[in-house]
Amino acid sequence: MGLYFATLSMEETLREVEVAGGQVVYPKAAISDLVGWVAEYEESGGNEIALSER
């Protein structure tokens, strides 16, 4: 498991990523009631960033 950055609104964060030129590589998906939601995106520099939301 890698490093995940917490977000209060996955939809809003992923929308902002796309507006800024990034690309969603793993769309929002439910993991469990304990973990919540995760997603990953690639920013314009090519780095992949993982997000989590409870």
Protein backbone atom coordinates (compact mmCIF):
# COMPACT_ATOMS: atom_id res chain seq x y z
CA MET A 1 0.00 0.00 0.00
CA GLY A 2 1.34 3.39 -0.96
CA LEU A 3 0.86 6.88 0.36
CA TYR A 4 -2.66 8.27 -0.04
CA PHE A 5 -3.66 11.91 0.32
CA ALA A 6 -7.01 12.55 2.02
CA THR A 7 -9.64 14.64 0.28
CA LEU A 8 -13.03 15.82 1.50
CA SER A 9 -14.58 15.55 -1.97
CA MET A 10 -13.17 12.99 -4.40
CA GLU A 11 -15.40 14.23 -7.24
CA GLU A 12 -14.29 17.84 -6.83
CA THR A 13 -10.61 16.92 -6.55
CA LEU A 14 -10.68 14.71 -9.67
CA ARG A 15 -12.55 17.43 -11.59
CA GLU A 16 -9.83 19.94 -10.63
CA VAL A 17 -7.14 17.45 -11.71
CA GLU A 18 -8.65 17.19 -15.19
CA VAL A 19 -9.07 20.97 -15.52
CA ALA A 20 -5.38 21.37 -14.64
CA GLY A 21 -4.33 18.91 -17.36
CA GLY A 22 -4.03 15.74 -15.28
CA GLN A 23 -5.62 12.38 -16.06
CA VAL A 24 -7.59 10.02 -13.81
CA VAL A 25 -5.93 6.59 -14.05
CA TYR A 26 -8.00 4.76 -11.40
CA PRO A 27 -11.48 6.22 -10.92
CA LYS A 28 -13.22 6.52 -7.56
CA ALA A 29 -13.86 3.07 -6.14
CA ALA A 30 -15.24 1.84 -2.83
CA ILE A 31 -12.80 -0.25 -0.81
CA SER A 32 -14.78 -0.95 2.38
CA ASP A 33 -16.86 0.79 5.03
CA LEU A 34 -13.70 1.15 7.11
CA VAL A 35 -11.45 2.58 4.37
CA GLY A 36 -13.97 4.42 2.22
CA TRP A 37 -13.11 5.47 -1.34
CA VAL A 38 -9.85 5.63 -3.29
CA ALA A 39 -8.75 6.96 -6.68
CA GLU A 40 -5.50 7.72 -8.49
CA TYR A 41 -4.53 10.31 -11.02
CA GLU A 42 -1.48 11.29 -13.05
CA GLU A 43 -0.53 14.93 -12.83
CA SER A 44 0.87 16.86 -15.80
CA GLY A 45 4.46 16.00 -14.78
CA GLY A 46 3.75 12.26 -15.01
CA ASN A 47 3.62 11.51 -11.28
CA GLU A 48 0.81 9.28 -10.02
CA ILE A 49 -1.02 10.51 -6.92
CA ALA A 50 -3.40 8.41 -4.80
CA LEU A 51 -6.41 9.87 -2.99
CA SER A 52 -8.67 8.61 -0.22
CA GLU A 53 -12.02 9.82 1.06
CA ARG A 54 -14.05 8.54 4.02
